[in-house]
Amino acid sequence: MYTRRSTLPGNSAMRAVIGTLALTLALSSCGGTRQSDEAIEAAAGIRPAAADAAVPGVAADPAAAPVAADPGVAAPANVATDSGPAIAAGGPAQPAASGGNAGTAQTATTGTAKSGGAPAAAAPGVVTKKSLIKLGSVGTFSGPVGALVKDTVTGIRIWAQAVNEKGGVNGHPISIQVGDDGGDPARFNSIVQQFVEKDGVLAFLFNTLAFAPNGNNKYLHSKKIFTYSETGSLELTYNDPYVLTPSPSGLSYADAMILAFGAGIGAKGGVKMAAYACSDFSLCDNFDKRWSDPSVLKKAGFELVARGRPSLTQPDYTSQCLAAKQNGATAILVALDGAAIRRFAGDCARQNYRPVMSSADLVITNDLLKDPNVDGLVVGGKMVPFPSTDTPGMKEAHAAFAKFAPGQIVTGGYAYGWLVGEFFAQTAKNLPDNPTYQDLEDGVYAIKNNDMKGMTYPITIRRGQVMDRQLCFGTTIIKNGKFVPAPGPALRCAKGGKPMSGPDDYDKIS
């Protein structure tokens, strides 16, 4: 596993200002809220709110703070909020207080009872009979780093709203608690410990282990508590049985990206390519490693002619464009965020150089659709293409976004958040009232040949063993200002998506 640690400039300042972030989701009396993208992100806890809680990034005793109730909905029992009103059904999220009481946090939709207590108030016609399940999501969700992953947290939030409207997971309403570690490994560990020991969190969805603490999952592993996905860039899931993934991770995610790029442009062999993986985080090491491997490049139809490790924060990429152009590259694969992709494409265009570009599904943002320099970008995905509604799982995701975030275009990050939520739901579908960690573990190991409603490869999990390495990918293209699935199969798989023993263990793509 590659764990070189690096931080963005200004990271210490960012850590100093990040306060409490907690998100609680439950049932809405009107069937859910309809909010703008900014409102959804704010409610998901993806921007700082000042606080002086005992553990930075997490609320103090949430029962101590008052809340304002949504009209016609039971008031939250154990959730700390801003001094402003809670989000009313159909209304926008309220901004965070610039300075507040200890335990300042953000509440979305309605509140829920304490884990193990009475279930939350339900929407009319929906019956929930079982205890609240608290799930956590901890990571670096603010600043430049947060821009890489915030859409995934929003996708998880939309999933929670959708399942709660239908009565929860097997009758259990779902609550999501979000903690921002500010890029600080010590804070990460403090937050997850508080979530478990004080708040009763049952499992974690999408902890950003690739940022801080660079793959350190020792506390949750020691407690035998499952994390359903990290950023997808680490090999940890193939080494730790308590870090699960519903899609290719680490070296295999890097393979999925380059194979999706080749499929998207119909590369048959010898296509000259430049590869630029970010230098800011250890997560990009795996991309650089695989994209410079001649055997991987050959399988994807490429020949590497230029390579570099630029930063996400550098203002200009002209030197990288010129290096690729001078070496005859007609294709460029980058591991950068959406804003950097736009700068890169613009800098190349100013050199009258317009190669076809590609990047990862999780970093693709909707603002790319408005930039003509990015048109034609190939999006490498580790699940079915996110614009597609051909599979039951993605059809449900699009319907949920249409209801709870009307007008919002589904991105790869949003779709992946939905997949992570569905992954948990499939393992929790038989949980009893007041479930224990052992109950959830039994549900995890009951997963057999489950493709999460067609969104990924068939997953089987064996007790006490790490997950099988599998490799499937989907390809999306930005075409005329829209996301469109690439022609051909929605999900292409190495060896039919069957388990592989190592990242090189594939010989053909079906």
Protein backbone atom coordinates (compact mmCIF):
# COMPACT_ATOMS: atom_id res chain seq x y z
CA MET A 1 0.00 0.00 0.00
CA TYR A 2 1.33 3.43 -0.86
CA THR A 3 0.95 5.88 2.00
CA ARG A 4 3.22 8.84 1.32
CA ARG A 5 1.70 11.73 3.19
CA SER A 6 1.44 15.17 1.71
CA THR A 7 -0.77 18.16 2.51
CA LEU A 8 -2.09 21.12 0.63
CA PRO A 9 -0.71 24.59 1.33
CA GLY A 10 -2.71 26.23 4.07
CA ASN A 11 -3.88 22.94 5.50
CA SER A 12 -2.96 23.93 9.05
CA ALA A 13 -5.08 27.05 8.78
CA MET A 14 -7.95 24.99 7.42
CA ARG A 15 -7.72 22.62 10.37
CA ALA A 16 -7.82 25.50 12.80
CA VAL A 17 -11.17 26.85 11.63
CA ILE A 18 -13.16 23.67 11.12
CA GLY A 19 -15.75 23.18 13.82
CA THR A 20 -18.69 20.96 14.37
CA LEU A 21 -20.25 18.98 11.57
CA ALA A 22 -23.08 16.60 12.30
CA LEU A 23 -25.92 15.61 10.02
CA THR A 24 -29.06 13.85 11.13
CA LEU A 25 -31.55 12.58 8.57
CA ALA A 26 -34.98 11.19 9.19
CA LEU A 27 -38.47 11.19 7.82
CA SER A 28 -40.21 14.21 6.41
CA SER A 29 -43.87 14.94 6.86
CA CYS A 30 -44.04 15.98 3.24
CA GLY A 31 -42.01 13.12 1.80
CA GLY A 32 -38.67 14.93 1.80
CA THR A 33 -37.12 18.32 1.25
CA ARG A 34 -36.41 19.90 -2.10
CA GLN A 35 -33.26 21.92 -2.01
CA SER A 36 -30.64 23.56 -4.19
CA ASP A 37 -27.22 21.98 -4.62
CA GLU A 38 -25.76 24.51 -2.18
CA ALA A 39 -28.46 23.75 0.36
CA ILE A 40 -27.90 20.02 0.06
CA GLU A 41 -24.16 20.43 0.51
CA ALA A 42 -24.64 22.71 3.49
CA ALA A 43 -27.01 20.28 5.16
CA ALA A 44 -24.62 17.44 4.48
CA GLY A 45 -22.03 19.17 6.66
CA ILE A 46 -19.61 19.91 3.85
CA ARG A 47 -18.60 23.30 5.10
CA PRO A 48 -17.38 24.39 8.52
CA ALA A 49 -19.53 25.63 11.37
CA ALA A 50 -17.78 27.21 14.33
CA ALA A 51 -17.97 25.44 17.67
CA ASP A 52 -15.98 24.73 20.81
CA ALA A 53 -16.87 21.09 21.27
CA ALA A 54 -14.58 18.86 23.30
CA VAL A 55 -13.64 16.96 20.14
CA PRO A 56 -12.98 19.34 17.22
CA GLY A 57 -15.20 18.57 14.27
CA VAL A 58 -17.90 16.92 16.36
CA ALA A 59 -20.71 18.33 18.44
CA ALA A 60 -20.55 18.21 22.22
CA ASP A 61 -23.43 16.43 23.96
CA PRO A 62 -26.08 16.84 21.25
CA ALA A 63 -28.90 16.54 23.76
CA ALA A 64 -27.92 19.84 25.34
CA ALA A 65 -28.91 22.19 22.53
CA PRO A 66 -32.42 23.29 21.58
CA VAL A 67 -33.79 22.87 18.07
CA ALA A 68 -36.58 24.34 16.04
CA ALA A 69 -39.03 21.85 14.65
CA ASP A 70 -40.28 21.61 11.10
CA PRO A 71 -43.98 22.35 10.80
CA GLY A 72 -46.00 19.27 11.59
CA VAL A 73 -42.97 17.14 12.42
CA ALA A 74 -41.78 15.89 15.80
CA ALA A 75 -38.86 17.91 17.14
CA PRO A 76 -35.45 16.27 17.18
CA ALA A 77 -34.63 14.73 20.53
CA ASN A 78 -30.85 14.51 20.50
CA VAL A 79 -29.44 16.75 17.78
CA ALA A 80 -27.62 20.02 18.30
CA THR A 81 -28.32 22.71 15.71
CA ASP A 82 -27.50 26.25 14.69
CA SER A 83 -29.20 29.07 16.53
CA GLY A 84 -31.27 29.53 13.39
CA PRO A 85 -34.36 27.49 12.46
CA ALA A 86 -34.19 23.94 11.22
CA ILE A 87 -34.81 23.19 7.58
CA ALA A 88 -38.50 23.23 6.83
CA ALA A 89 -39.92 20.73 4.42
CA GLY A 90 -39.62 22.25 0.98
CA GLY A 91 -37.43 25.07 2.27
CA PRO A 92 -33.74 25.89 1.91
CA ALA A 93 -31.04 24.97 4.35
CA GLN A 94 -30.09 27.66 6.83
CA PRO A 95 -26.51 28.94 6.89
CA ALA A 96 -24.25 27.93 9.73
CA ALA A 97 -23.75 30.33 12.58
CA SER A 98 -20.46 32.19 12.26
CA GLY A 99 -19.90 31.79 15.96
CA GLY A 100 -22.01 29.66 18.21
CA ASN A 101 -22.58 27.63 21.28
CA ALA A 102 -20.71 24.48 22.12
CA GLY A 103 -21.99 21.68 19.99
CA THR A 104 -23.16 23.80 17.06
CA ALA A 105 -24.28 21.55 14.25
CA GLN A 106 -26.58 21.37 11.26
CA THR A 107 -29.89 19.55 11.14
CA ALA A 108 -31.53 18.51 7.89
CA THR A 109 -35.18 17.69 7.26
CA THR A 110 -36.28 16.43 10.70
CA GLY A 111 -34.71 15.08 13.84
CA THR A 112 -34.62 11.54 15.09
CA ALA A 113 -34.67 9.82 18.42
CA LYS A 114 -31.54 8.49 20.05
CA SER A 115 -30.19 5.22 18.66
CA GLY A 116 -32.00 2.35 20.29
CA GLY A 117 -34.95 4.54 21.26
CA ALA A 118 -38.25 5.30 19.58
CA PRO A 119 -38.12 5.76 15.82
CA ALA A 120 -38.44 9.18 14.26
CA ALA A 121 -41.72 10.73 13.19
CA ALA A 122 -42.72 9.25 9.86
CA ALA A 123 -44.20 10.63 6.69
CA PRO A 124 -47.95 10.03 6.35
CA GLY A 125 -48.69 6.44 5.38
CA VAL A 126 -45.19 5.20 6.29
CA VAL A 127 -44.76 2.98 9.32
CA THR A 128 -41.44 2.53 11.06
CA LYS A 129 -41.36 0.07 13.93
CA LYS A 130 -37.70 -0.40 14.77
CA SER A 131 -34.92 1.56 16.41
CA LEU A 132 -32.94 4.32 14.76
CA ILE A 133 -29.67 3.28 13.09
CA LYS A 134 -26.90 5.85 13.27
CA LEU A 135 -24.26 5.80 10.54
CA GLY A 136 -21.13 7.94 10.43
CA SER A 137 -19.10 9.54 7.68
CA VAL A 138 -15.77 11.01 8.78
CA GLY A 139 -13.11 12.63 6.67
CA THR A 140 -11.77 15.78 5.09
CA PHE A 141 -14.94 17.36 3.75
CA SER A 142 -13.95 21.04 3.57
CA GLY A 143 -11.49 23.15 1.61
CA PRO A 144 -9.77 21.95 -1.58
CA VAL A 145 -9.76 18.36 -0.36
CA GLY A 146 -13.48 18.42 0.34
CA ALA A 147 -14.14 19.46 -3.24
CA LEU A 148 -12.92 16.02 -4.32
CA VAL A 149 -15.36 14.05 -2.22
CA LYS A 150 -18.29 16.21 -1.12
CA ASP A 151 -20.62 14.95 -3.86
CA THR A 152 -20.31 11.41 -2.50
CA VAL A 153 -21.50 12.55 0.94
CA THR A 154 -24.42 14.33 -0.72
CA GLY A 155 -25.27 11.12 -2.57
CA ILE A 156 -25.33 9.25 0.76
CA ARG A 157 -27.62 11.93 2.18
CA ILE A 158 -30.07 11.62 -0.70
CA TRP A 159 -30.03 7.82 -0.29
CA ALA A 160 -30.89 8.21 3.40
CA GLN A 161 -33.78 10.55 2.63
CA ALA A 162 -35.13 8.15 0.05
CA VAL A 163 -34.99 5.04 2.24
CA ASN A 164 -36.41 6.90 5.22
CA GLU A 165 -39.38 8.05 3.19
CA LYS A 166 -40.13 4.40 2.48
CA GLY A 167 -39.91 3.38 6.13
CA GLY A 168 -36.16 2.95 6.56
CA VAL A 169 -33.93 -0.09 6.14
CA ASN A 170 -35.97 -3.08 7.26
CA GLY A 171 -38.07 -0.71 9.37
CA HIS A 172 -35.08 1.14 10.84
CA PRO A 173 -34.96 4.91 10.18
CA ILE A 174 -31.46 6.03 9.21
CA SER A 175 -29.42 8.91 10.64
CA ILE A 176 -26.16 10.13 9.10
CA GLN A 177 -23.57 11.89 11.27
CA VAL A 178 -20.81 13.72 9.41
CA GLY A 179 -17.49 14.67 11.02
CA ASP A 180 -14.82 16.80 9.35
CA ASP A 181 -11.28 15.95 10.45
CA GLY A 182 -9.78 18.98 8.69
CA GLY A 183 -6.99 16.78 7.35
CA ASP A 184 -5.79 15.96 10.87
CA PRO A 185 -5.18 12.24 11.66
CA ALA A 186 -5.57 12.79 15.42
CA ARG A 187 -8.90 14.52 14.88
CA PHE A 188 -10.06 11.70 12.60
CA ASN A 189 -9.41 9.15 15.32
CA SER A 190 -11.09 11.31 17.98
CA ILE A 191 -14.19 11.75 15.86
CA VAL A 192 -14.66 8.09 15.01
CA GLN A 193 -14.10 7.14 18.65
CA GLN A 194 -16.72 9.63 19.83
CA PHE A 195 -19.17 8.52 17.17
CA VAL A 196 -18.82 4.93 18.33
CA GLU A 197 -18.50 5.25 22.09
CA LYS A 198 -20.78 8.20 22.74
CA ASP A 199 -23.18 8.41 19.85
CA GLY A 200 -23.73 4.72 19.16
CA VAL A 201 -22.83 4.75 15.45
CA LEU A 202 -23.27 1.26 14.01
CA ALA A 203 -21.12 1.58 10.89
CA PHE A 204 -19.37 4.15 8.72
CA LEU A 205 -20.07 5.10 5.11
CA PHE A 206 -17.27 6.64 3.06
CA ASN A 207 -14.52 7.62 5.48
CA THR A 208 -11.84 9.48 3.53
CA LEU A 209 -8.95 7.36 4.73
CA ALA A 210 -6.75 8.43 1.80
CA PHE A 211 -6.42 11.98 3.20
CA ALA A 212 -6.14 11.78 6.97
CA PRO A 213 -5.06 9.42 8.40
CA ASN A 214 -3.68 7.89 5.20
CA GLY A 215 -5.28 4.49 5.62
CA ASN A 216 -5.10 4.23 9.43
CA ASN A 217 -8.16 2.23 10.38
CA LYS A 218 -6.74 0.75 13.59
CA TYR A 219 -9.45 1.94 15.98
CA LEU A 220 -12.44 0.75 13.93
CA HIS A 221 -10.63 -2.48 13.06
CA SER A 222 -9.98 -3.16 16.74
CA LYS A 223 -13.70 -2.72 17.46
CA LYS A 224 -14.68 -4.85 14.45
CA ILE A 225 -16.74 -1.99 13.03
CA PHE A 226 -17.29 -1.87 9.28
CA THR A 227 -16.45 1.02 7.00
CA TYR A 228 -18.40 0.87 3.75
CA SER A 229 -15.91 2.38 1.28
CA GLU A 230 -13.20 4.97 1.56
CA THR A 231 -12.20 7.20 -1.37
CA GLY A 232 -11.55 4.13 -3.49
CA SER A 233 -7.90 4.95 -3.95
CA LEU A 234 -6.31 2.70 -1.31
CA GLU A 235 -5.36 -0.97 -1.27
CA LEU A 236 -6.65 -1.14 2.31
CA THR A 237 -9.88 -2.87 1.37
CA TYR A 238 -7.86 -5.85 0.13
CA ASN A 239 -5.94 -6.02 3.42
CA ASP A 240 -8.52 -5.18 6.11
CA PRO A 241 -11.75 -7.23 6.35
CA TYR A 242 -13.49 -4.32 8.07
CA VAL A 243 -13.00 -1.92 5.16
CA LEU A 244 -15.50 -2.89 2.46
CA THR A 245 -15.88 -1.67 -1.10
CA PRO A 246 -18.66 -2.09 -3.67
CA SER A 247 -16.31 -1.28 -6.56
CA PRO A 248 -12.65 -1.41 -7.67
CA SER A 249 -10.26 0.28 -5.25
CA GLY A 250 -6.59 1.22 -5.14
CA LEU A 251 -4.59 -0.15 -8.04
CA SER A 252 -7.74 -1.62 -9.52
CA TYR A 253 -9.47 1.79 -9.54
CA ALA A 254 -6.48 3.14 -11.48
CA ASP A 255 -6.89 0.25 -13.92
CA ALA A 256 -10.61 0.92 -14.26
CA MET A 257 -9.92 4.54 -15.18
CA ILE A 258 -7.40 3.79 -17.90
CA LEU A 259 -9.45 0.93 -19.32
CA ALA A 260 -12.55 3.13 -19.38
CA PHE A 261 -10.56 5.80 -21.21
CA GLY A 262 -9.47 3.30 -23.82
CA ALA A 263 -13.01 2.00 -24.24
CA GLY A 264 -14.39 5.53 -24.50
CA ILE A 265 -12.19 6.50 -27.44
CA GLY A 266 -12.04 3.05 -29.02
CA ALA A 267 -8.29 2.71 -28.49
CA LYS A 268 -6.99 -0.32 -30.38
CA GLY A 269 -3.32 0.07 -29.56
CA GLY A 270 -0.53 2.61 -29.76
CA VAL A 271 -2.57 5.69 -28.87
CA LYS A 272 -0.04 8.19 -27.53
CA MET A 273 -1.04 9.27 -24.05
CA ALA A 274 0.21 11.63 -21.34
CA ALA A 275 -0.58 10.81 -17.69
CA TYR A 276 -0.68 13.37 -14.89
CA ALA A 277 -1.53 12.18 -11.38
CA CYS A 278 -1.70 14.74 -8.59
CA SER A 279 1.24 15.23 -6.23
CA ASP A 280 -0.87 16.45 -3.31
CA PHE A 281 -1.97 13.15 -1.79
CA SER A 282 -0.75 9.59 -1.45
CA LEU A 283 -3.96 8.43 -3.15
CA CYS A 284 -2.52 9.58 -6.48
CA ASP A 285 0.53 7.32 -6.09
CA ASN A 286 -1.48 4.29 -7.18
CA PHE A 287 -2.69 6.12 -10.28
CA ASP A 288 0.82 7.16 -11.25
CA LYS A 289 2.10 3.63 -10.65
CA ARG A 290 -0.45 1.96 -12.88
CA TRP A 291 -0.61 4.60 -15.61
CA SER A 292 3.15 4.31 -16.16
CA ASP A 293 3.15 0.50 -16.31
CA PRO A 294 3.70 -0.58 -19.96
CA SER A 295 1.66 -3.78 -19.53
CA VAL A 296 -1.36 -1.87 -18.22
CA LEU A 297 -1.05 0.75 -20.95
CA LYS A 298 -0.86 -1.93 -23.64
CA LYS A 299 -4.02 -3.66 -22.39
CA ALA A 300 -5.86 -0.33 -22.54
CA GLY A 301 -4.57 0.50 -26.04
CA PHE A 302 -2.12 3.27 -25.07
CA GLU A 303 1.56 4.17 -25.28
CA LEU A 304 2.88 6.57 -22.62
CA VAL A 305 4.80 9.54 -24.05
CA ALA A 306 4.66 12.07 -21.17
CA ARG A 307 4.18 11.84 -17.43
CA GLY A 308 4.12 14.21 -14.45
CA ARG A 309 2.87 14.91 -10.93
CA PRO A 310 1.29 18.39 -10.94
CA SER A 311 -0.55 19.88 -7.98
CA LEU A 312 -4.28 20.46 -7.72
CA THR A 313 -3.58 23.99 -6.58
CA GLN A 314 -1.18 25.20 -9.24
CA PRO A 315 -2.71 28.06 -11.23
CA ASP A 316 -1.34 27.06 -14.64
CA TYR A 317 -0.75 23.77 -16.47
CA THR A 318 0.81 25.15 -19.65
CA SER A 319 4.08 23.28 -19.09
CA GLN A 320 2.25 19.95 -18.85
CA CYS A 321 0.24 20.74 -21.98
CA LEU A 322 3.37 21.62 -23.93
CA ALA A 323 5.18 18.47 -22.80
CA ALA A 324 2.26 16.32 -23.94
CA LYS A 325 1.90 18.22 -27.23
CA GLN A 326 5.62 18.08 -28.08
CA ASN A 327 5.65 14.33 -27.51
CA GLY A 328 2.68 13.77 -29.78
CA ALA A 329 0.07 12.83 -27.16
CA THR A 330 -3.47 12.77 -28.52
CA ALA A 331 -4.91 11.69 -25.17
CA ILE A 332 -4.34 12.96 -21.62
CA LEU A 333 -5.38 11.14 -18.44
CA VAL A 334 -5.42 13.23 -15.26
CA ALA A 335 -6.04 12.62 -11.56
CA LEU A 336 -7.14 16.15 -10.68
CA ASP A 337 -10.29 17.76 -9.32
CA GLY A 338 -12.94 19.44 -11.44
CA ALA A 339 -11.55 22.97 -11.10
CA ALA A 340 -8.04 21.82 -12.03
CA ILE A 341 -9.40 19.89 -15.02
CA ARG A 342 -10.99 23.07 -16.34
CA ARG A 343 -7.73 25.02 -15.91
CA PHE A 344 -5.77 22.23 -17.58
CA ALA A 345 -8.10 22.06 -20.58
CA GLY A 346 -8.11 25.85 -20.90
CA ASP A 347 -4.34 26.09 -20.79
CA CYS A 348 -4.02 23.44 -23.50
CA ALA A 349 -6.61 25.21 -25.66
CA ARG A 350 -4.60 28.43 -25.44
CA GLN A 351 -1.73 26.50 -27.02
CA ASN A 352 -4.08 25.44 -29.82
CA TYR A 353 -3.83 21.93 -28.42
CA ARG A 354 -7.04 19.97 -27.86
CA PRO A 355 -6.33 16.34 -26.95
CA VAL A 356 -9.11 14.15 -25.66
CA MET A 357 -8.96 14.16 -21.86
CA SER A 358 -10.13 11.77 -19.17
CA SER A 359 -10.48 11.67 -15.40
CA ALA A 360 -12.27 9.83 -12.58
CA ASP A 361 -15.99 9.73 -11.92
CA LEU A 362 -15.77 10.91 -8.28
CA VAL A 363 -14.15 14.26 -9.14
CA ILE A 364 -16.40 15.22 -12.04
CA THR A 365 -18.60 18.22 -11.24
CA ASN A 366 -21.55 19.71 -13.09
CA ASP A 367 -19.72 22.94 -13.90
CA LEU A 368 -17.60 21.00 -16.39
CA LEU A 369 -20.66 20.73 -18.63
CA LYS A 370 -20.58 24.49 -19.21
CA ASP A 371 -16.96 24.63 -20.38
CA PRO A 372 -16.49 24.01 -24.13
CA ASN A 373 -12.81 23.22 -23.57
CA VAL A 374 -13.85 20.13 -21.60
CA ASP A 375 -16.35 18.83 -24.15
CA GLY A 376 -15.44 15.28 -25.14
CA LEU A 377 -13.96 14.44 -21.73
CA VAL A 378 -14.11 10.71 -21.00
CA VAL A 379 -15.15 9.91 -17.44
CA GLY A 380 -13.73 6.66 -16.10
CA GLY A 381 -16.14 5.06 -13.65
CA LYS A 382 -15.91 2.15 -11.24
CA MET A 383 -19.63 1.33 -11.53
CA VAL A 384 -22.27 1.62 -14.23
CA PRO A 385 -22.30 5.00 -16.00
CA PHE A 386 -23.97 7.55 -13.75
CA PRO A 387 -26.18 9.12 -16.48
CA SER A 388 -27.71 5.73 -17.28
CA THR A 389 -31.04 4.55 -15.88
CA ASP A 390 -30.90 1.09 -17.47
CA THR A 391 -30.20 -0.71 -14.19
CA PRO A 392 -32.69 -0.79 -11.28
CA GLY A 393 -30.21 0.74 -8.85
CA MET A 394 -29.35 3.77 -10.98
CA LYS A 395 -32.98 4.22 -11.92
CA GLU A 396 -33.82 4.49 -8.21
CA ALA A 397 -30.98 6.96 -7.68
CA HIS A 398 -32.16 9.26 -10.47
CA ALA A 399 -35.74 9.11 -9.20
CA ALA A 400 -34.57 10.05 -5.70
CA PHE A 401 -32.56 13.03 -6.96
CA ALA A 402 -35.51 14.16 -9.07
CA LYS A 403 -37.65 14.16 -5.92
CA PHE A 404 -35.31 15.48 -3.24
CA ALA A 405 -33.06 17.68 -5.40
CA PRO A 406 -35.10 18.57 -8.49
CA GLY A 407 -33.03 20.03 -11.30
CA GLN A 408 -29.78 18.66 -9.91
CA ILE A 409 -27.79 16.66 -12.48
CA VAL A 410 -26.51 13.36 -11.10
CA THR A 411 -22.70 13.17 -11.09
CA GLY A 412 -20.34 10.28 -10.50
CA GLY A 413 -19.87 11.33 -6.88
CA TYR A 414 -23.60 11.51 -6.24
CA ALA A 415 -24.11 8.10 -7.85
CA TYR A 416 -21.29 6.54 -5.87
CA GLY A 417 -22.76 7.86 -2.63
CA TRP A 418 -26.00 6.15 -3.58
CA LEU A 419 -24.15 2.89 -4.28
CA VAL A 420 -22.42 3.05 -0.88
CA GLY A 421 -25.78 3.55 0.82
CA GLU A 422 -27.32 0.67 -1.10
CA PHE A 423 -24.35 -1.50 -0.14
CA PHE A 424 -25.09 -0.89 3.52
CA ALA A 425 -28.81 -1.48 2.98
CA GLN A 426 -28.20 -4.88 1.41
CA THR A 427 -26.13 -5.98 4.40
CA ALA A 428 -28.67 -4.56 6.87
CA LYS A 429 -31.89 -5.84 5.31
CA ASN A 430 -32.44 -8.43 8.06
CA LEU A 431 -31.32 -6.44 11.09
CA PRO A 432 -33.46 -6.95 14.21
CA ASP A 433 -34.66 -4.20 16.52
CA ASN A 434 -31.79 -2.62 18.48
CA PRO A 435 -29.12 -4.32 16.33
CA THR A 436 -25.63 -5.09 17.59
CA TYR A 437 -22.34 -5.02 15.71
CA GLN A 438 -22.55 -8.81 15.57
CA ASP A 439 -25.98 -8.60 13.90
CA LEU A 440 -24.54 -6.34 11.21
CA GLU A 441 -21.50 -8.60 10.78
CA ASP A 442 -23.83 -11.53 10.15
CA GLY A 443 -25.59 -9.44 7.49
CA VAL A 444 -22.30 -8.52 5.83
CA TYR A 445 -21.25 -12.14 5.54
CA ALA A 446 -24.64 -13.10 4.15
CA ILE A 447 -23.89 -11.15 0.93
CA LYS A 448 -23.60 -13.64 -1.95
CA ASN A 449 -23.37 -12.73 -5.65
CA ASN A 450 -25.12 -9.41 -5.01
CA ASP A 451 -24.57 -6.76 -7.72
CA MET A 452 -26.40 -4.01 -5.81
CA LYS A 453 -29.34 -3.88 -8.21
CA GLY A 454 -27.10 -3.99 -11.27
CA MET A 455 -24.81 -1.11 -10.32
CA THR A 456 -21.61 -3.11 -9.86
CA TYR A 457 -20.05 -6.57 -10.12
CA PRO A 458 -21.48 -9.52 -8.15
CA ILE A 459 -20.21 -9.28 -4.57
CA THR A 460 -19.63 -12.17 -2.20
CA ILE A 461 -18.16 -11.57 1.26
CA ARG A 462 -16.71 -14.41 3.33
CA ARG A 463 -16.50 -14.27 7.10
CA GLY A 464 -13.20 -12.95 8.39
CA GLN A 465 -11.73 -12.54 4.90
CA VAL A 466 -10.87 -9.45 2.91
CA MET A 467 -12.95 -8.65 -0.14
CA ASP A 468 -12.13 -10.17 -3.51
CA ARG A 469 -10.32 -7.92 -5.95
CA GLN A 470 -12.62 -7.42 -8.91
CA LEU A 471 -12.47 -5.10 -11.88
CA CYS A 472 -15.45 -3.67 -13.71
CA PHE A 473 -15.86 -0.18 -15.13
CA GLY A 474 -18.37 2.10 -16.79
CA THR A 475 -17.63 4.92 -19.21
CA THR A 476 -19.35 8.29 -19.48
CA ILE A 477 -18.59 11.09 -21.97
CA ILE A 478 -19.27 14.81 -21.80
CA LYS A 479 -20.90 15.50 -25.15
CA ASN A 480 -22.47 18.80 -26.18
CA GLY A 481 -22.79 19.91 -22.58
CA LYS A 482 -24.35 16.70 -21.28
CA PHE A 483 -23.25 13.51 -19.54
CA VAL A 484 -23.95 10.54 -21.79
CA PRO A 485 -23.11 6.84 -21.37
CA ALA A 486 -20.50 5.60 -23.82
CA PRO A 487 -21.72 3.16 -26.46
CA GLY A 488 -21.51 -0.53 -25.62
CA PRO A 489 -22.08 -2.48 -22.41
CA ALA A 490 -22.89 -0.39 -19.36
CA LEU A 491 -20.46 -2.41 -17.28
CA ARG A 492 -17.35 -3.95 -18.79
CA CYS A 493 -15.57 -6.49 -16.64
CA ALA A 494 -12.21 -8.18 -16.53
CA LYS A 495 -12.78 -11.95 -16.55
CA GLY A 496 -16.49 -11.32 -16.33
CA GLY A 497 -16.07 -9.52 -13.03
CA LYS A 498 -14.89 -12.66 -11.29
CA PRO A 499 -12.43 -12.41 -8.38
CA MET A 500 -8.80 -11.72 -9.18
CA SER A 501 -5.83 -12.53 -7.01
CA GLY A 502 -3.90 -9.43 -7.98
CA PRO A 503 -4.14 -6.23 -10.04
CA ASP A 504 -2.43 -7.83 -13.04
CA ASP A 505 -4.64 -10.89 -13.04
CA TYR A 506 -6.78 -10.14 -16.05
CA ASP A 507 -6.31 -10.92 -19.69
CA LYS A 508 -9.34 -9.61 -21.52
CA ILE A 509 -12.21 -7.22 -21.02
CA SER A 510 -15.72 -8.45 -21.81
